[in-house]
Every structure is written in C-alpha cells, then in structure tokens.
Protein backbone atom coordinates (compact mmCIF):
# COMPACT_ATOMS: atom_id res chain seq x y z
CA UNK A 1 -117.05 -7.22 -23.06
CA UNK A 2 -118.05 -8.94 -26.43
CA UNK A 3 -121.17 -7.88 -28.14
CA UNK A 4 -122.46 -5.23 -30.55
CA UNK A 5 -119.99 -6.37 -33.19
CA UNK A 6 -117.06 -6.07 -30.77
CA UNK A 7 -113.94 -7.95 -31.73
CA UNK A 8 -112.61 -10.27 -29.07
CA UNK A 9 -108.90 -10.97 -29.80
CA UNK A 10 -107.55 -12.39 -26.52
CA UNK A 11 -106.67 -10.65 -23.26
CA UNK A 12 -105.71 -7.08 -23.11
CA UNK A 13 -102.03 -6.53 -23.19
CA UNK A 14 -101.66 -2.68 -22.86
CA UNK A 15 -103.79 0.27 -21.65
CA UNK A 16 -103.96 3.97 -22.65
CA UNK A 17 -106.43 6.80 -22.46
CA UNK A 18 -107.44 9.56 -24.77
CA UNK A 19 -109.52 12.78 -24.16
CA UNK A 20 -111.92 13.83 -26.91
CA UNK A 21 -114.30 16.69 -27.47
CA UNK A 22 -118.06 15.94 -28.30
CA UNK A 23 -117.18 15.35 -31.90
CA UNK A 24 -114.53 12.85 -31.23
CA UNK A 25 -111.53 15.17 -31.89
CA UNK A 26 -108.47 14.32 -29.91
CA UNK A 27 -107.62 16.82 -27.20
CA UNK A 28 -104.94 14.88 -25.31
CA UNK A 29 -103.60 11.34 -25.43
CA UNK A 30 -101.14 9.06 -23.83
CA UNK A 31 -97.76 7.80 -25.07
CA UNK A 32 -99.03 4.34 -26.08
CA UNK A 33 -101.45 5.55 -28.75
CA UNK A 34 -98.84 7.94 -30.25
CA UNK A 35 -96.40 5.10 -30.45
CA UNK A 36 -98.87 2.78 -32.17
CA UNK A 37 -99.80 5.39 -34.72
CA UNK A 38 -96.21 6.73 -34.84
CA UNK A 39 -97.51 10.26 -34.62
CA UNK A 40 -96.32 12.78 -31.99
CA UNK A 41 -99.10 13.92 -29.56
CA UNK A 42 -98.99 17.47 -30.73
CA UNK A 43 -99.73 16.43 -34.25
CA UNK A 44 -102.56 14.13 -33.07
CA UNK A 45 -104.35 16.94 -31.16
CA UNK A 46 -107.08 18.41 -33.19
CA UNK A 47 -107.50 15.28 -35.41
CA UNK A 48 -110.53 12.99 -35.13
CA UNK A 49 -109.91 9.62 -33.56
CA UNK A 50 -112.09 8.02 -36.18
CA UNK A 51 -109.60 9.00 -38.82
CA UNK A 52 -107.27 6.15 -37.54
CA UNK A 53 -110.01 3.53 -37.27
CA UNK A 54 -110.53 1.10 -40.05
CA UNK A 55 -113.67 1.82 -42.23
CA UNK A 56 -115.62 -1.22 -41.04
CA UNK A 57 -115.47 -0.04 -37.38
CA UNK A 58 -115.61 3.73 -37.85
CA UNK A 59 -119.26 4.25 -37.63
CA UNK A 60 -119.66 2.14 -34.51
CA UNK A 61 -116.81 4.00 -32.88
CA UNK A 62 -118.39 7.36 -33.71
CA UNK A 63 -121.75 6.28 -32.36
CA UNK A 64 -120.18 5.23 -29.04
CA UNK A 65 -118.35 8.61 -28.71
CA UNK A 66 -121.64 10.47 -29.40
CA UNK A 67 -123.61 8.43 -26.90
CA UNK A 68 -120.87 8.91 -24.19
CA UNK A 69 -120.95 12.67 -24.76
CA UNK A 70 -124.66 12.55 -24.05
CA UNK A 71 -124.00 10.81 -20.74
CA UNK A 72 -124.38 7.09 -21.82
CA UNK A 73 -121.05 5.21 -21.50
CA UNK A 74 -120.38 2.60 -24.12
CA UNK A 75 -117.98 -0.13 -25.03
CA UNK A 76 -116.89 -0.98 -28.45
CA UNK A 77 -114.16 -3.14 -30.13
CA UNK A 78 -112.38 -1.77 -33.22
CA UNK A 79 -109.11 -1.77 -35.12
CA UNK A 80 -106.75 1.21 -35.58
CA UNK A 81 -104.24 1.49 -38.45
CA UNK A 82 -101.13 3.61 -38.71
CA UNK A 83 -99.63 5.02 -41.82
CA UNK A 84 -97.49 2.07 -42.48
CA UNK A 85 -100.49 -0.22 -42.51
CA UNK A 86 -99.86 -1.86 -39.17
CA UNK A 87 -103.10 -2.76 -37.32
CA UNK A 88 -103.85 -3.02 -33.61
CA UNK A 89 -107.04 -4.41 -32.23
CA UNK A 90 -108.46 -2.41 -29.25
CA UNK A 91 -111.37 -2.26 -26.93
CA UNK A 92 -112.67 1.06 -25.93
CA UNK A 93 -114.71 2.28 -23.11
CA UNK A 94 -116.04 5.87 -23.85
CA UNK A 95 -117.61 7.91 -20.95
CA UNK A 96 -118.47 11.45 -20.38
CA UNK A 97 -116.17 13.82 -18.53
CA UNK A 98 -116.08 17.58 -18.05
CA UNK A 99 -115.43 19.18 -21.44
CA UNK A 100 -115.92 16.07 -23.56
CA UNK A 101 -115.34 12.28 -23.60
CA UNK A 102 -112.63 10.12 -22.08
CA UNK A 103 -111.80 6.97 -23.94
CA UNK A 104 -110.06 4.19 -22.20
CA UNK A 105 -108.23 2.00 -24.77
CA UNK A 106 -107.18 -1.64 -24.12
CA UNK A 107 -104.83 -2.90 -26.75
CA UNK A 108 -105.64 -6.56 -27.32
CA UNK A 109 -102.95 -7.89 -29.68
CA UNK A 110 -100.32 -5.28 -30.44
CA UNK A 111 -97.66 -7.74 -31.53
CA UNK A 112 -97.86 -8.07 -35.35
CA UNK A 113 -95.39 -11.10 -35.24
CA UNK A 114 -97.72 -13.35 -33.18
CA UNK A 115 -101.33 -14.36 -33.65
CA UNK A 116 -103.82 -13.07 -31.09
CA UNK A 117 -104.33 -16.49 -29.60
CA UNK A 118 -100.64 -17.05 -29.11
CA UNK A 119 -100.30 -13.54 -27.47
CA UNK A 120 -103.09 -14.50 -25.04
CA UNK A 121 -101.56 -17.84 -24.33
CA UNK A 122 -98.16 -16.41 -23.59
CA UNK A 123 -99.53 -13.69 -21.38
CA UNK A 124 -101.77 -16.12 -19.39
CA UNK A 125 -98.86 -18.52 -18.96
CA UNK A 126 -96.64 -15.75 -17.62
CA UNK A 127 -99.17 -14.64 -15.10
CA UNK A 128 -99.72 -18.21 -13.80
CA UNK A 129 -95.97 -18.92 -13.67
CA UNK A 130 -95.09 -15.87 -11.55
CA UNK A 131 -95.35 -16.48 -7.72
CA UNK A 132 -97.04 -13.27 -6.78
CA UNK A 133 -99.74 -10.74 -7.60
CA UNK A 134 -99.54 -8.95 -10.96
CA UNK A 135 -100.64 -5.28 -11.17
CA UNK A 136 -100.45 -3.15 -14.23
CA UNK A 137 -100.65 0.67 -13.71
CA UNK A 138 -100.45 3.49 -16.20
CA UNK A 139 -98.06 6.45 -15.79
CA UNK A 140 -100.71 8.29 -13.78
CA UNK A 141 -101.02 5.51 -11.28
CA UNK A 142 -104.29 4.04 -12.40
CA UNK A 143 -104.87 0.30 -12.43
CA UNK A 144 -105.36 -1.29 -15.83
CA UNK A 145 -104.96 -4.94 -14.83
CA UNK A 146 -104.69 -7.04 -11.72
CA UNK A 147 -104.14 -10.73 -11.33
CA UNK A 148 -103.86 -12.64 -7.95
CA UNK A 149 -101.83 -15.92 -7.69
CA UNK A 150 -103.84 -19.08 -7.49
CA UNK A 151 -103.43 -19.18 -3.74
CA UNK A 152 -104.23 -15.53 -3.07
CA UNK A 153 -107.04 -13.03 -3.17
CA UNK A 154 -107.32 -9.41 -4.08
CA UNK A 155 -108.28 -6.82 -1.52
CA UNK A 156 -110.36 -5.07 -4.05
CA UNK A 157 -112.37 -6.93 -6.85
CA UNK A 158 -111.03 -6.03 -10.33
CA UNK A 159 -114.40 -4.63 -11.40
CA UNK A 160 -114.22 -2.11 -8.56
CA UNK A 161 -110.48 -1.36 -8.74
CA UNK A 162 -109.74 -1.04 -12.45
CA UNK A 163 -109.14 2.51 -13.78
CA UNK A 164 -109.07 3.72 -10.21
CA UNK A 165 -106.01 5.61 -8.97
CA UNK A 166 -103.64 4.03 -6.42
CA UNK A 167 -104.46 6.95 -4.01
CA UNK A 168 -108.17 5.94 -4.20
CA UNK A 169 -107.55 2.43 -2.94
CA UNK A 170 -104.49 2.35 -0.67
CA UNK A 171 -103.11 4.40 2.27
CA UNK A 172 -100.98 7.41 1.47
CA UNK A 173 -97.57 5.83 2.31
CA UNK A 174 -98.29 2.96 -0.02
CA UNK A 175 -99.67 5.09 -2.76
CA UNK A 176 -96.69 7.43 -2.55
CA UNK A 177 -94.17 4.61 -2.68
CA UNK A 178 -96.01 3.21 -5.71
CA UNK A 179 -95.93 6.53 -7.59
CA UNK A 180 -92.19 6.88 -6.85
CA UNK A 181 -91.64 3.28 -8.12
CA UNK A 182 -93.54 4.18 -11.28
CA UNK A 183 -91.33 7.12 -11.90
CA UNK A 184 -88.22 5.03 -11.29
CA UNK A 185 -89.46 2.23 -13.69
CA UNK A 186 -90.24 4.79 -16.42
CA UNK A 187 -86.58 5.97 -16.12
CA UNK A 188 -85.54 2.40 -16.96
CA UNK A 189 -84.88 1.23 -13.40
CA UNK A 190 -86.07 -1.88 -11.67
CA UNK A 191 -88.15 -0.25 -8.82
CA UNK A 192 -88.46 -2.05 -5.49
CA UNK A 193 -90.23 -1.24 -2.22
CA UNK A 194 -91.98 -3.00 0.58
CA UNK A 195 -95.06 -2.30 2.59
CA UNK A 196 -97.40 -3.63 5.35
CA UNK A 197 -101.14 -3.78 4.97
CA UNK A 198 -103.86 -4.77 7.41
CA UNK A 199 -106.10 -7.49 5.80
CA UNK A 200 -108.93 -8.94 7.90
CA UNK A 201 -107.36 -7.67 11.05
CA UNK A 202 -103.92 -9.24 10.26
CA UNK A 203 -100.84 -7.25 9.39
CA UNK A 204 -99.31 -8.63 6.20
CA UNK A 205 -95.89 -7.79 4.66
CA UNK A 206 -95.41 -7.41 0.88
CA UNK A 207 -92.46 -6.82 -1.39
CA UNK A 208 -93.16 -5.11 -4.75
CA UNK A 209 -90.94 -5.00 -7.87
CA UNK A 210 -91.90 -3.07 -10.98
CA UNK A 211 -90.49 -2.51 -14.50
CA UNK A 212 -91.76 -0.45 -17.44
CA UNK A 213 -93.58 -2.28 -20.13
CA UNK A 214 -93.88 0.73 -22.30
CA UNK A 215 -93.55 4.51 -22.01
CA UNK A 216 -96.76 4.87 -20.12
CA UNK A 217 -97.24 1.50 -18.36
CA UNK A 218 -95.46 -0.32 -15.42
CA UNK A 219 -95.98 -3.93 -14.49
CA UNK A 220 -95.60 -4.76 -10.71
CA UNK A 221 -95.03 -8.17 -9.17
CA UNK A 222 -96.03 -8.12 -5.51
CA UNK A 223 -95.18 -11.11 -3.26
CA UNK A 224 -96.72 -11.79 0.09
CA UNK A 225 -93.75 -12.28 2.52
CA UNK A 226 -95.80 -12.54 5.66
CA UNK A 227 -95.03 -16.15 6.36
CA UNK A 228 -91.32 -15.85 5.69
CA UNK A 229 -91.26 -12.70 8.04
CA UNK A 230 -93.11 -14.54 10.78
CA UNK A 231 -90.71 -17.48 10.55
CA UNK A 232 -87.68 -15.19 10.77
CA UNK A 233 -89.18 -13.44 13.84
CA UNK A 234 -89.90 -16.73 15.48
CA UNK A 235 -86.32 -17.90 14.80
CA UNK A 236 -84.89 -14.61 16.20
CA UNK A 237 -87.17 -14.92 19.31
CA UNK A 238 -86.15 -18.58 19.85
CA UNK A 239 -82.44 -17.72 19.61
CA UNK A 240 -82.98 -14.88 22.02
CA UNK A 241 -84.73 -17.22 24.57
CA UNK A 242 -81.86 -19.75 24.20
CA UNK A 243 -79.28 -16.97 24.86
CA UNK A 244 -81.12 -15.94 27.96
CA UNK A 245 -81.14 -19.42 29.30
CA UNK A 246 -77.51 -20.03 28.38
CA UNK A 247 -76.43 -16.73 29.90
CA UNK A 248 -78.25 -17.45 33.22
CA UNK A 249 -76.75 -20.91 33.45
CA UNK A 250 -73.24 -19.74 32.59
CA UNK A 251 -73.30 -16.79 35.03
CA UNK A 252 -74.56 -18.95 37.89
CA UNK A 253 -72.06 -21.80 37.28
CA UNK A 254 -69.15 -19.41 37.15
CA UNK A 255 -70.21 -17.67 40.38
CA UNK A 256 -71.35 -20.74 42.19
CA UNK A 257 -74.43 -18.84 43.47
CA UNK A 258 -77.09 -16.55 42.11
CA UNK A 259 -77.09 -13.48 44.46
CA UNK A 260 -73.66 -12.14 43.37
CA UNK A 261 -74.65 -12.17 39.69
CA UNK A 262 -78.45 -11.43 40.13
CA UNK A 263 -78.33 -7.78 38.94
CA UNK A 264 -76.14 -8.77 35.96
CA UNK A 265 -78.51 -11.57 34.89
CA UNK A 266 -81.55 -9.43 35.30
CA UNK A 267 -79.88 -6.71 33.26
CA UNK A 268 -79.04 -9.20 30.47
CA UNK A 269 -82.71 -10.44 30.47
CA UNK A 270 -84.01 -6.90 30.15
CA UNK A 271 -81.54 -6.07 27.33
CA UNK A 272 -82.32 -9.28 25.44
CA UNK A 273 -86.04 -8.91 25.78
CA UNK A 274 -85.85 -5.04 25.09
CA UNK A 275 -87.70 -4.30 28.30
CA UNK A 276 -87.91 -1.30 30.59
CA UNK A 277 -87.73 -3.16 33.90
CA UNK A 278 -87.01 -6.61 35.34
CA UNK A 279 -87.75 -7.73 38.93
CA UNK A 280 -87.11 -10.86 40.77
CA UNK A 281 -89.96 -11.42 43.30
CA UNK A 282 -90.06 -13.96 45.99
CA UNK A 283 -93.24 -15.23 47.90
CA UNK A 284 -92.59 -15.48 51.60
CA UNK A 285 -94.22 -17.93 53.90
CA UNK A 286 -96.61 -15.20 54.91
CA UNK A 287 -97.79 -14.82 51.32
CA UNK A 288 -96.05 -11.51 50.71
CA UNK A 289 -94.57 -10.72 47.41
CA UNK A 290 -91.14 -9.17 48.05
CA UNK A 291 -88.91 -7.63 45.34
CA UNK A 292 -85.48 -9.28 45.97
CA UNK A 293 -83.54 -7.89 42.99
CA UNK A 294 -84.30 -5.48 40.19
CA UNK A 295 -83.05 -3.76 37.02
CA UNK A 296 -84.28 -0.64 35.42
CA UNK A 297 -83.41 0.50 31.85
CA UNK A 298 -81.68 3.97 31.48
CA UNK A 299 -84.17 6.79 32.06
CA UNK A 300 -86.80 4.61 33.61
CA UNK A 301 -87.94 5.62 37.12
CA UNK A 302 -87.37 3.12 39.87
CA UNK A 303 -90.43 1.09 41.13
CA UNK A 304 -92.32 2.96 43.77
CA UNK A 305 -91.63 1.45 47.28
CA UNK A 306 -95.27 1.41 48.26
CA UNK A 307 -95.87 -1.03 45.27
CA UNK A 308 -93.47 -3.55 46.87
CA UNK A 309 -94.08 -6.13 49.66
CA UNK A 310 -97.70 -6.63 48.55
CA UNK A 311 -99.97 -9.54 49.83
CA UNK A 312 -100.48 -12.19 47.31
CA UNK A 313 -104.09 -12.62 48.46
CA UNK A 314 -104.90 -9.07 47.11
CA UNK A 315 -104.41 -10.45 43.52
CA UNK A 316 -106.54 -13.62 43.16
CA UNK A 317 -106.29 -13.71 39.34
CA UNK A 318 -102.50 -13.37 39.46
CA UNK A 319 -102.32 -16.09 42.18
CA UNK A 320 -104.25 -18.56 40.05
CA UNK A 321 -101.81 -18.07 37.16
CA UNK A 322 -98.60 -18.15 39.03
CA UNK A 323 -99.59 -21.04 41.27
CA UNK A 324 -99.74 -23.47 38.30
CA UNK A 325 -96.29 -22.60 37.13
CA UNK A 326 -97.18 -21.02 33.74
CA UNK A 327 -95.55 -18.18 32.00
CA UNK A 328 -97.90 -15.29 32.24
CA UNK A 329 -98.20 -12.98 29.16
CA UNK A 330 -100.14 -9.78 29.39
CA UNK A 331 -99.85 -7.91 26.11
CA UNK A 332 -102.27 -5.09 27.30
CA UNK A 333 -103.66 -4.58 30.90
CA UNK A 334 -106.96 -3.50 29.40
CA UNK A 335 -107.46 -7.09 27.97
CA UNK A 336 -107.42 -8.64 31.42
CA UNK A 337 -110.64 -10.16 32.64
CA UNK A 338 -113.03 -8.44 35.02
CA UNK A 339 -111.75 -10.70 37.87
CA UNK A 340 -108.33 -9.12 37.46
CA UNK A 341 -109.27 -5.52 38.35
CA UNK A 342 -106.78 -5.32 41.26
CA UNK A 343 -104.04 -6.58 38.90
CA UNK A 344 -104.96 -4.01 36.24
CA UNK A 345 -104.81 -1.17 38.80
CA UNK A 346 -101.42 -2.23 40.09
CA UNK A 347 -99.94 -2.41 36.51
CA UNK A 348 -101.29 1.02 35.78
CA UNK A 349 -99.54 2.37 38.92
CA UNK A 350 -96.15 0.94 38.05
CA UNK A 351 -96.39 1.99 34.38
CA UNK A 352 -96.68 -1.51 32.90
CA UNK A 353 -98.16 -1.32 29.41
CA UNK A 354 -97.31 -5.05 28.97
CA UNK A 355 -95.83 -7.76 31.16
CA UNK A 356 -94.35 -11.22 31.07
CA UNK A 357 -93.69 -13.20 34.13
CA UNK A 358 -92.09 -16.53 34.44
CA UNK A 359 -92.12 -18.66 37.65
CA UNK A 360 -89.23 -19.49 39.92
CA UNK A 361 -89.48 -23.07 41.05
CA UNK A 362 -87.98 -24.73 44.04
CA UNK A 363 -88.18 -28.37 45.42
CA UNK A 364 -91.08 -27.17 47.54
CA UNK A 365 -93.00 -25.54 44.60
CA UNK A 366 -93.42 -22.15 43.09
CA UNK A 367 -91.61 -19.67 45.32
CA UNK A 368 -91.44 -16.56 43.19
CA UNK A 369 -91.34 -15.15 39.74
CA UNK A 370 -89.46 -12.80 37.43
CA UNK A 371 -91.42 -9.92 36.05
CA UNK A 372 -90.35 -8.37 32.70
CA UNK A 373 -92.01 -4.97 32.12
CA UNK A 374 -92.90 -3.64 28.66
CA UNK A 375 -90.79 -6.09 26.58
CA UNK A 376 -90.71 -5.72 22.84
CA UNK A 377 -93.26 -8.09 21.08
CA UNK A 378 -94.69 -9.76 24.24
CA UNK A 379 -96.98 -12.09 22.21
CA UNK A 380 -93.89 -13.78 20.60
CA UNK A 381 -92.82 -15.32 24.02
CA UNK A 382 -95.01 -18.38 23.65
CA UNK A 383 -94.56 -22.09 22.95
CA UNK A 384 -90.91 -23.19 22.98
CA UNK A 385 -89.71 -19.78 24.25
CA UNK A 386 -92.04 -20.13 27.28
CA UNK A 387 -90.53 -23.51 28.04
CA UNK A 388 -87.09 -21.98 28.01
CA UNK A 389 -88.05 -19.24 30.32
CA UNK A 390 -89.58 -21.83 32.77
CA UNK A 391 -86.20 -23.71 32.70
CA UNK A 392 -84.40 -20.47 33.50
CA UNK A 393 -86.76 -19.87 36.44
CA UNK A 394 -86.06 -23.42 37.68
CA UNK A 395 -82.32 -22.91 37.57
CA UNK A 396 -82.63 -19.64 39.53
CA UNK A 397 -85.07 -21.20 42.03
CA UNK A 398 -82.80 -24.22 42.84
CA UNK A 399 -79.82 -21.91 43.22
CA UNK A 400 -81.69 -19.62 45.59
CA UNK A 401 -82.98 -22.53 47.56
CA UNK A 402 -79.38 -23.72 48.11
CA UNK A 403 -78.42 -20.28 49.25
CA UNK A 404 -81.41 -20.29 51.74
CA UNK A 405 -82.25 -16.86 50.45
CA UNK A 406 -85.97 -17.30 50.97
CA UNK A 407 -86.06 -15.58 54.41
CA UNK A 408 -89.01 -14.16 56.18
C-alpha cells in the first residue's frame, strides 16, 4: 500500500521471502533475491539486508524491521541494488516470527529494459487476455497473486488468501496435486492437472496448467470447464437414450412381437443405463402390479417374490405419478414426500437407492411401467431423454396389446 514514502511502481511481478534476526541480518532467503543480487544464499547469510538497499531508503527499511521485531508489522517501499548497479523496486511486509522477522518482498519492476508503467500495462493486459483464473504461488505453495477472469469470482478474497499455503485453503487432494505441479514446473515441465470443487453447493470442474516464471515461482492458469463437461454429459446421455429407443424398436421389429425379446431388451436397457435391475410391470384390471419380465445385473439378488403382485392402491403417491404418464425419477428415496411413506418402505425392501420408471402406454391408457433400479446418474434422465423413454414405453405397450398379453 502506498504511504510513508513508499514507492509505487506498478503491479507486483514477483514474490520472495527473507528471514532476518532482530537486527535485520539475513538468516535465510529465497532464490529470487539471490538472483537479483547475484549472490549465492550462503554468502548472503549473515549480512544485513539494509546493506543492499539504496541509501535514501535504508533508514525507513531498518525502522520497519525493528518495529516488526517488536510485534508491529510494517509495510515499506524501497529499492535494492546489486554489485553491477542494477536496481529493483520492491515492496516489503515485515512481521514478527519465532526467532526474528519474516520479510515478504514483492518485486515491482524487475525488468531494467522496460519502464515500470510498461511492465504494469503488459502484465495487466496478459491477465485480462487469458480466459481463466491466474494464480501465482511460490515454491513452498504460498499464494502471492490471484486474479479471476472478468466473468468469475474467487472462492477466497485476495486479502484473505495471499501468503497463505495451498494446504490452508483447499482440500488435501487439490493441495497435493498443486504441490506436485509446482515441483514439475520448477523442473521445466508444463504441469497439468484437473480437480473438482464444491462451490455454493454445486460441483465444479477445473483444469489447471502451470509453468515456472522463476526459480521459486510458478504461474497457474485455471479454467472452469464445468459448462463444457455438463454439455458432454448431456450429449452422452442423449445418445444413450436414442440407442435405447433404437434398440427396442429394432429388436421388436425383427421379432414381430415383444415377449420373445423382452429379456434381451431389458438387459440392454439395464446395461445402457448402468443399472442393477430392470423390471417390466403390468397393471391388471384388478389394479395389481405384476412383474411380467425382469433382468438383474450379475451379483444382484433377485427381487423377493413377496414384493411382487402388489395392489396399486397401497401406493397412492406412485399411482398419482404413473397415471399421468410421466417418467418418474427418484434420485434418493429419502427425498420422497411424507405422502409417499409406503413407496419409501417398499424401495428400501427391494434395495432401491434410486429409481427411474417410464410408463407403458396402450390404446386404453397407462397399462404398466418399466422400473430401472439404481441407474448411474438418475438426475440426467430428464427433458429430451424422458421423451425418448416415453416413446420406448409406447412401442412396448402397443406391441403387448397386440399380443393380448395383459391377462388377469
């Protein structure tokens, strides 16, 4: 922050830290400062930081270090100079740590070939031109900069997240993947990894790519791929629904009837929807739900016989859904309304963690339904996919009606 004689020379372009004792003597420093001063770290240890600060700024820097050692953090802007006379403008935050003072150094304009304003302009233009989030981390995994795209937001505000470690802000799998990427980038590789993160109750999918911008700094571009992934899932789901409809139609047309190919069709539906069980249920004139055909995935126990041939009147909520010819999607029985307590109990008995049912229609109305137990991604079977499932039910219903299979 500007003030107290601090020099403001554009946006920070690099980050480093240095550990000092109470007198400002260097105990340990990062690779960036050693590179700017062109002095190995071992030779810097034991020398006062103020030795490399220009005379005009030296007293202010010493004062900030002394106050930080007494427990009062301070910011100061100053200029460092190496033996060749090259100068670098930095901003420093000095704060007390065990055994001395930690100084966090932000290099403002380290390129002697460009003016500070031009460096700032180029850096800002690059940030705005890139399509994702920009994160700059040091070699230890601490955030030194973060910039969201114009259409995005940061999970953590910069004032809170800067200088914090990746492990302090993100779940262990993301933090470990980031640290591995930092190591790869510092070896000269282009590091890539992806991760998911829950934001405001929504799972979002990100791809990260990082490259080293110095010996001790890595820049990451993180792009939110959630929309693209959702579109891909929807396309796969739509194609899967079309395959189910095409397969049912093809098998019935080749056979001329449904019953000879029923088990094969239900097996294909279960496989395509990645389900555990598929049942074709008819509703008799007495209002009894009778399981006419069924398919069970390998290692899945058959449906208990006492849960077959159940009266429709015992399930009023289910009756209200099926009677209007809609595709019923139950992603979790616990989410059913209070009026569906009988339905919830039945689903628990048959081991249904989720269920999709699409109606079988005949010229006289809804005459049954196909139940798909525990399919993968039950919530994805909506919209256009539901329409395709209803068409499949109509084809089956018309075929069964011709066969006069709806017997008492």
